[in-house]
Protein backbone atom coordinates (compact mmCIF):
# COMPACT_ATOMS: atom_id res chain seq x y z
CA UNK A 1 184.68 91.79 197.28
CA UNK A 2 181.96 91.77 199.89
CA UNK A 3 181.20 95.41 199.15
CA UNK A 4 180.83 94.61 195.44
CA UNK A 5 178.47 91.76 196.15
CA UNK A 6 176.37 93.91 198.44
CA UNK A 7 176.14 96.59 195.77
CA UNK A 8 175.09 94.01 193.16
CA UNK A 9 172.41 92.68 195.49
CA UNK A 10 171.14 96.20 196.05
CA UNK A 11 170.98 96.80 192.30
CA UNK A 12 169.17 93.50 191.72
CA UNK A 13 166.67 94.30 194.46
CA UNK A 14 165.97 97.72 192.98
CA UNK A 15 165.58 96.21 189.50
CA UNK A 16 163.18 93.58 190.74
CA UNK A 17 161.19 96.17 192.61
CA UNK A 18 161.03 98.36 189.51
CA UNK A 19 159.88 95.46 187.39
CA UNK A 20 157.19 94.55 189.90
CA UNK A 21 156.02 98.16 190.01
CA UNK A 22 156.01 98.31 186.23
CA UNK A 23 153.91 95.13 185.96
CA UNK A 24 151.44 96.41 188.56
CA UNK A 25 151.21 99.75 186.76
CA UNK A 26 150.58 98.05 183.43
CA UNK A 27 147.90 95.80 184.93
CA UNK A 28 146.28 98.76 186.64
CA UNK A 29 146.25 100.85 183.49
CA UNK A 30 144.93 97.91 181.48
CA UNK A 31 142.12 97.35 183.94
CA UNK A 32 141.17 101.00 183.67
CA UNK A 33 140.72 100.82 179.88
CA UNK A 34 137.32 99.47 178.82
CA UNK A 35 136.07 98.78 175.29
CA UNK A 36 132.29 98.73 174.96
CA UNK A 37 131.11 96.45 172.07
CA UNK A 38 128.29 97.12 169.62
CA UNK A 39 124.68 96.97 170.91
CA UNK A 40 125.91 97.11 174.52
CA UNK A 41 126.02 99.78 177.24
CA UNK A 42 127.92 99.89 180.54
CA UNK A 43 126.48 101.50 183.65
CA UNK A 44 129.42 102.95 185.64
CA UNK A 45 129.35 103.78 189.36
CA UNK A 46 131.79 105.92 191.31
CA UNK A 47 132.09 105.25 195.00
CA UNK A 48 128.78 103.36 194.92
CA UNK A 49 126.75 105.99 193.06
CA UNK A 50 125.75 106.29 189.43
CA UNK A 51 128.47 108.03 187.41
CA UNK A 52 127.78 107.55 183.68
CA UNK A 53 126.54 105.29 180.91
CA UNK A 54 129.20 104.19 178.45
CA UNK A 55 128.19 103.44 174.88
CA UNK A 56 130.21 101.89 172.04
CA UNK A 57 133.94 102.79 172.09
CA UNK A 58 137.00 103.05 174.39
CA UNK A 59 136.52 104.40 177.91
CA UNK A 60 138.78 104.96 180.95
CA UNK A 61 137.83 104.61 184.58
CA UNK A 62 139.54 105.86 187.69
CA UNK A 63 141.30 102.96 189.39
CA UNK A 64 139.82 101.74 192.66
CA UNK A 65 137.08 104.41 192.45
CA UNK A 66 135.03 103.67 189.34
CA UNK A 67 133.50 100.30 188.51
CA UNK A 68 131.20 98.84 185.84
CA UNK A 69 128.03 98.10 187.80
CA UNK A 70 125.97 96.55 184.97
CA UNK A 71 126.43 95.48 181.36
CA UNK A 72 123.21 96.09 179.44
CA UNK A 73 122.33 94.43 176.10
CA UNK A 74 120.58 96.87 173.77
CA UNK A 75 119.42 94.30 171.19
CA UNK A 76 115.79 93.24 170.97
CA UNK A 77 115.25 90.33 173.32
CA UNK A 78 112.66 87.56 173.30
CA UNK A 79 111.25 85.96 176.42
CA UNK A 80 108.95 82.94 176.26
CA UNK A 81 106.98 82.78 179.49
CA UNK A 82 105.39 79.62 180.83
CA UNK A 83 101.63 79.12 180.20
CA UNK A 84 99.52 81.20 182.57
CA UNK A 85 96.09 80.10 183.88
CA UNK A 86 93.31 82.55 182.98
CA UNK A 87 89.51 82.59 183.32
CA UNK A 88 87.24 83.88 180.56
CA UNK A 89 84.09 85.92 181.00
CA UNK A 90 81.95 82.77 180.72
CA UNK A 91 83.98 81.06 183.50
CA UNK A 92 86.13 78.79 181.34
CA UNK A 93 89.62 78.16 182.69
CA UNK A 94 92.39 77.87 180.13
CA UNK A 95 96.14 78.27 179.87
CA UNK A 96 97.84 80.77 177.57
CA UNK A 97 101.50 80.78 176.58
CA UNK A 98 102.86 84.26 175.76
CA UNK A 99 106.00 85.50 174.03
CA UNK A 100 107.24 89.06 174.70
CA UNK A 101 109.64 90.97 172.44
CA UNK A 102 111.26 93.90 174.25
CA UNK A 103 114.25 96.21 173.99
CA UNK A 104 116.16 98.24 176.61
CA UNK A 105 116.12 101.92 175.71
CA UNK A 106 117.53 103.47 178.93
CA UNK A 107 120.34 101.46 180.61
CA UNK A 108 120.25 103.65 183.74
CA UNK A 109 116.52 103.08 184.35
CA UNK A 110 116.95 99.40 183.56
CA UNK A 111 119.76 99.10 186.12
CA UNK A 112 118.07 101.06 188.91
CA UNK A 113 114.35 101.07 188.04
CA UNK A 114 113.36 97.59 189.21
CA UNK A 115 114.98 94.54 190.74
CA UNK A 116 115.05 91.56 188.34
CA UNK A 117 113.35 93.21 185.33
CA UNK A 118 112.62 89.91 183.52
CA UNK A 119 110.63 88.55 186.45
CA UNK A 120 108.82 91.88 186.70
CA UNK A 121 107.85 91.67 183.02
CA UNK A 122 106.63 88.09 183.48
CA UNK A 123 104.41 88.99 186.43
CA UNK A 124 103.11 92.08 184.66
CA UNK A 125 102.34 89.99 181.55
CA UNK A 126 100.37 87.45 183.61
CA UNK A 127 98.24 90.09 185.36
CA UNK A 128 97.59 92.05 182.17
CA UNK A 129 96.60 88.87 180.34
CA UNK A 130 94.15 87.88 183.07
CA UNK A 131 92.52 91.31 182.95
CA UNK A 132 92.07 91.22 179.17
CA UNK A 133 90.83 87.61 178.98
CA UNK A 134 88.42 88.25 181.85
CA UNK A 135 86.47 90.62 179.59
CA UNK A 136 86.19 88.09 176.74
CA UNK A 137 84.20 84.91 176.27
CA UNK A 138 85.76 81.66 175.11
CA UNK A 139 84.85 82.05 171.44
CA UNK A 140 86.12 85.63 171.41
CA UNK A 141 89.37 84.54 173.03
CA UNK A 142 89.96 81.89 170.40
CA UNK A 143 89.22 84.22 167.48
CA UNK A 144 90.65 87.54 168.73
CA UNK A 145 94.37 86.87 169.02
CA UNK A 146 95.37 90.00 167.15
CA UNK A 147 93.22 92.21 169.37
CA UNK A 148 94.61 90.58 172.52
CA UNK A 149 98.18 90.99 171.24
CA UNK A 150 97.65 94.69 170.59
CA UNK A 151 96.09 95.35 174.00
CA UNK A 152 98.88 93.42 175.72
CA UNK A 153 101.59 95.35 173.90
CA UNK A 154 100.10 98.76 174.70
CA UNK A 155 99.57 97.94 178.39
CA UNK A 156 103.03 96.42 178.89
CA UNK A 157 104.78 99.22 177.01
CA UNK A 158 103.22 101.84 179.26
CA UNK A 159 103.93 99.86 182.44
CA UNK A 160 107.59 99.11 181.59
CA UNK A 161 108.48 102.61 180.41
CA UNK A 162 109.74 103.68 183.92
CA UNK A 163 112.11 100.69 183.79
CA UNK A 164 113.77 101.83 180.56
CA UNK A 165 112.14 99.01 178.59
CA UNK A 166 110.14 99.25 175.36
CA UNK A 167 107.79 96.35 174.53
CA UNK A 168 107.77 95.96 170.74
CA UNK A 169 105.43 93.01 170.35
CA UNK A 170 103.45 90.45 172.34
CA UNK A 171 102.28 87.17 170.82
CA UNK A 172 99.94 84.52 172.18
CA UNK A 173 101.94 81.42 171.39
CA UNK A 174 99.42 78.82 172.53
CA UNK A 175 95.86 78.90 173.84
CA UNK A 176 95.18 75.67 175.71
CA UNK A 177 91.48 75.18 176.62
CA UNK A 178 90.25 72.38 178.93
CA UNK A 179 90.22 68.81 177.62
CA UNK A 180 86.40 68.68 177.38
CA UNK A 181 86.33 71.85 175.30
CA UNK A 182 89.15 70.54 173.14
CA UNK A 183 87.13 67.37 172.45
CA UNK A 184 84.06 69.44 171.59
CA UNK A 185 86.14 71.66 169.32
CA UNK A 186 87.62 68.64 167.58
CA UNK A 187 84.15 67.18 167.02
CA UNK A 188 82.95 70.51 165.69
CA UNK A 189 85.95 70.76 163.39
CA UNK A 190 85.37 67.19 162.20
CA UNK A 191 81.71 67.95 161.49
CA UNK A 192 82.72 71.11 159.66
CA UNK A 193 85.26 69.19 157.57
CA UNK A 194 82.64 66.56 156.72
CA UNK A 195 80.16 69.29 155.79
CA UNK A 196 82.69 70.96 153.53
CA UNK A 197 83.58 67.60 152.01
CA UNK A 198 79.90 66.91 151.29
CA UNK A 199 79.57 70.36 149.72
CA UNK A 200 82.63 69.76 147.57
CA UNK A 201 81.29 66.35 146.47
CA UNK A 202 77.89 67.88 145.64
CA UNK A 203 79.52 70.70 143.72
CA UNK A 204 81.67 68.17 141.86
CA UNK A 205 78.63 66.09 140.92
CA UNK A 206 76.80 69.24 139.88
CA UNK A 207 79.66 70.34 137.66
CA UNK A 208 79.92 66.82 136.23
CA UNK A 209 76.19 66.78 135.43
CA UNK A 210 76.44 70.20 133.84
CA UNK A 211 79.40 69.10 131.75
CA UNK A 212 77.56 65.96 130.61
CA UNK A 213 74.48 68.01 129.71
CA UNK A 214 76.61 70.54 127.88
CA UNK A 215 78.31 67.68 126.05
CA UNK A 216 74.96 66.24 124.99
CA UNK A 217 73.81 69.70 123.97
CA UNK A 218 76.91 70.25 121.87
CA UNK A 219 76.50 66.77 120.35
CA UNK A 220 72.85 67.47 119.49
CA UNK A 221 73.82 70.81 117.97
CA UNK A 222 76.54 69.17 115.91
CA UNK A 223 74.14 66.41 114.80
CA UNK A 224 71.53 69.01 113.82
CA UNK A 225 74.13 71.01 111.92
CA UNK A 226 75.33 67.87 110.17
CA UNK A 227 71.74 66.90 109.25
CA UNK A 228 71.09 70.43 108.05
CA UNK A 229 74.20 70.42 105.89
CA UNK A 230 73.31 66.95 104.57
CA UNK A 231 69.76 68.11 103.72
CA UNK A 232 71.19 71.16 101.99
CA UNK A 233 73.57 68.98 100.02
CA UNK A 234 70.74 66.59 99.07
CA UNK A 235 68.53 69.49 98.01
CA UNK A 236 71.36 70.99 95.98
CA UNK A 237 72.04 67.59 94.39
CA UNK A 238 68.35 67.15 93.56
CA UNK A 239 68.23 70.68 92.23
CA UNK A 240 71.29 70.02 90.10
CA UNK A 241 69.79 66.75 88.83
CA UNK A 242 66.49 68.46 88.02
CA UNK A 243 68.32 71.21 86.22
CA UNK A 244 70.37 68.68 84.29
CA UNK A 245 67.24 66.69 83.40
CA UNK A 246 65.39 69.82 82.33
CA UNK A 247 68.37 70.90 80.28
CA UNK A 248 68.45 67.42 78.69
CA UNK A 249 64.74 67.52 77.91
CA UNK A 250 65.07 71.01 76.54
CA UNK A 251 67.99 69.93 74.41
CA UNK A 252 66.00 66.88 73.19
CA UNK A 253 63.03 69.07 72.35
CA UNK A 254 65.32 71.45 70.52
CA UNK A 255 66.78 68.56 68.53
CA UNK A 256 63.31 67.20 67.68
CA UNK A 257 62.08 70.64 66.74
CA UNK A 258 65.13 71.19 64.64
CA UNK A 259 64.60 67.83 62.94
CA UNK A 260 60.97 68.67 62.29
CA UNK A 261 61.93 72.03 60.97
CA UNK A 262 64.54 70.45 58.73
CA UNK A 263 61.92 67.92 57.54
CA UNK A 264 59.41 70.63 56.77
CA UNK A 265 62.09 72.62 55.03
CA UNK A 266 63.01 69.55 52.98
CA UNK A 267 59.39 68.91 52.06
CA UNK A 268 58.93 72.49 51.07
CA UNK A 269 62.01 72.35 48.91
CA UNK A 270 60.82 69.03 47.34
CA UNK A 271 57.34 70.50 46.43
CA UNK A 272 55.34 67.43 47.56
CA UNK A 273 51.98 66.65 45.98
CA UNK A 274 48.74 66.73 47.90
CA UNK A 275 48.73 62.95 48.03
CA UNK A 276 52.12 62.84 49.82
CA UNK A 277 50.97 65.47 52.29
CA UNK A 278 47.83 63.45 52.92
CA UNK A 279 49.89 60.31 53.58
CA UNK A 280 52.15 62.19 56.00
CA UNK A 281 49.07 63.42 57.78
CA UNK A 282 47.85 59.85 58.12
CA UNK A 283 51.20 58.86 59.60
CA UNK A 284 50.94 61.67 62.11
CA UNK A 285 47.42 60.62 63.09
CA UNK A 286 48.61 57.02 63.39
CA UNK A 287 51.22 58.09 65.89
CA UNK A 288 48.61 60.10 67.75
CA UNK A 289 46.37 57.03 67.85
CA UNK A 290 49.13 55.07 69.57
CA UNK A 291 48.89 57.42 72.57
CA UNK A 292 46.45 57.46 75.47
CA UNK A 293 43.86 59.68 73.77
CA UNK A 294 40.36 58.11 73.66
CA UNK A 295 39.05 60.24 70.81
CA UNK A 296 40.76 61.37 67.57
CA UNK A 297 39.08 63.78 65.16
CA UNK A 298 40.18 63.20 61.54
CA UNK A 299 39.61 66.06 59.12
CA UNK A 300 37.33 65.39 56.15
CA UNK A 301 40.18 65.94 53.68
CA UNK A 302 41.98 62.86 55.02
CA UNK A 303 38.92 60.55 54.92
CA UNK A 304 39.15 60.20 51.10
CA UNK A 305 42.69 59.05 51.46
CA UNK A 306 41.49 56.12 53.55
CA UNK A 307 39.45 54.81 50.62
CA UNK A 308 42.47 55.26 48.37
CA UNK A 309 44.61 53.29 50.73
CA UNK A 310 42.01 50.49 50.80
CA UNK A 311 41.89 50.31 46.99
CA UNK A 312 45.66 50.13 46.80
CA UNK A 313 45.59 47.32 49.28
CA UNK A 314 43.11 45.30 47.24
CA UNK A 315 45.13 45.80 44.05
CA UNK A 316 48.20 44.50 45.79
CA UNK A 317 46.32 41.41 46.99
CA UNK A 318 45.01 40.59 43.45
CA UNK A 319 48.52 40.63 42.10
């Protein structure tokens, strides 16, 4: 019985030992398998020296010999540095806040090229900015941001290349001049705004005056056109009336002439005596005497008829 128990204990001890070994082996193998994620690189050292750079994928390291010395992010990174004091060419002290966009292109150089790369970039940015601003006056500094950005990017990109860093862009976030200059700038801006406002008001009044004048001009033109059309209509109406009147007179004359012609025709057909003709002549001269003529010449043939008319009158009175 004791022998059986001792054998069971031996088996249990061996099983426990195997299980412990198996767990240790699994943990060891698991620790040796590394998965590198996207946009990341691992710098691997072997026995304290650089061994390799692992990119995206599954990698295996030798247990207790290899180690991941540095995990490097390959995405573009943005660093906003604190405002740096700078002095312009005309001895004006101001503070400039810069933003640097950079990307790690060589993980090995980044890991071994410089200690604390971010601090190195910050110091390099400050010195480069002072050098560039020192060659510019205040007005140029305030109006030449794009030029300063380009010069900063080129200088920093060249300086950080040995560190495995590429500077993609540099932006001047804020330019903070002294308080006195800020006050002067605000006054200048206020004066400029007032000047532009005055110009806009003057232009508005000018346009308004022009519009009013154009309106009056158009009104005068319309009035003149209306008067012209009215005069034309009046002239046409007068012309029409004159034509109608002339046509009426002509028609009246034609009727009178026709009546006279008919009368003459009737007389001719009736074969009147000389006495009747003489009487008709007297009637015609009587009508002529009723007019405005001051002198009337009576033919000698009609004078005898006057005596005849007088005799007839006396005979009538005696009766």
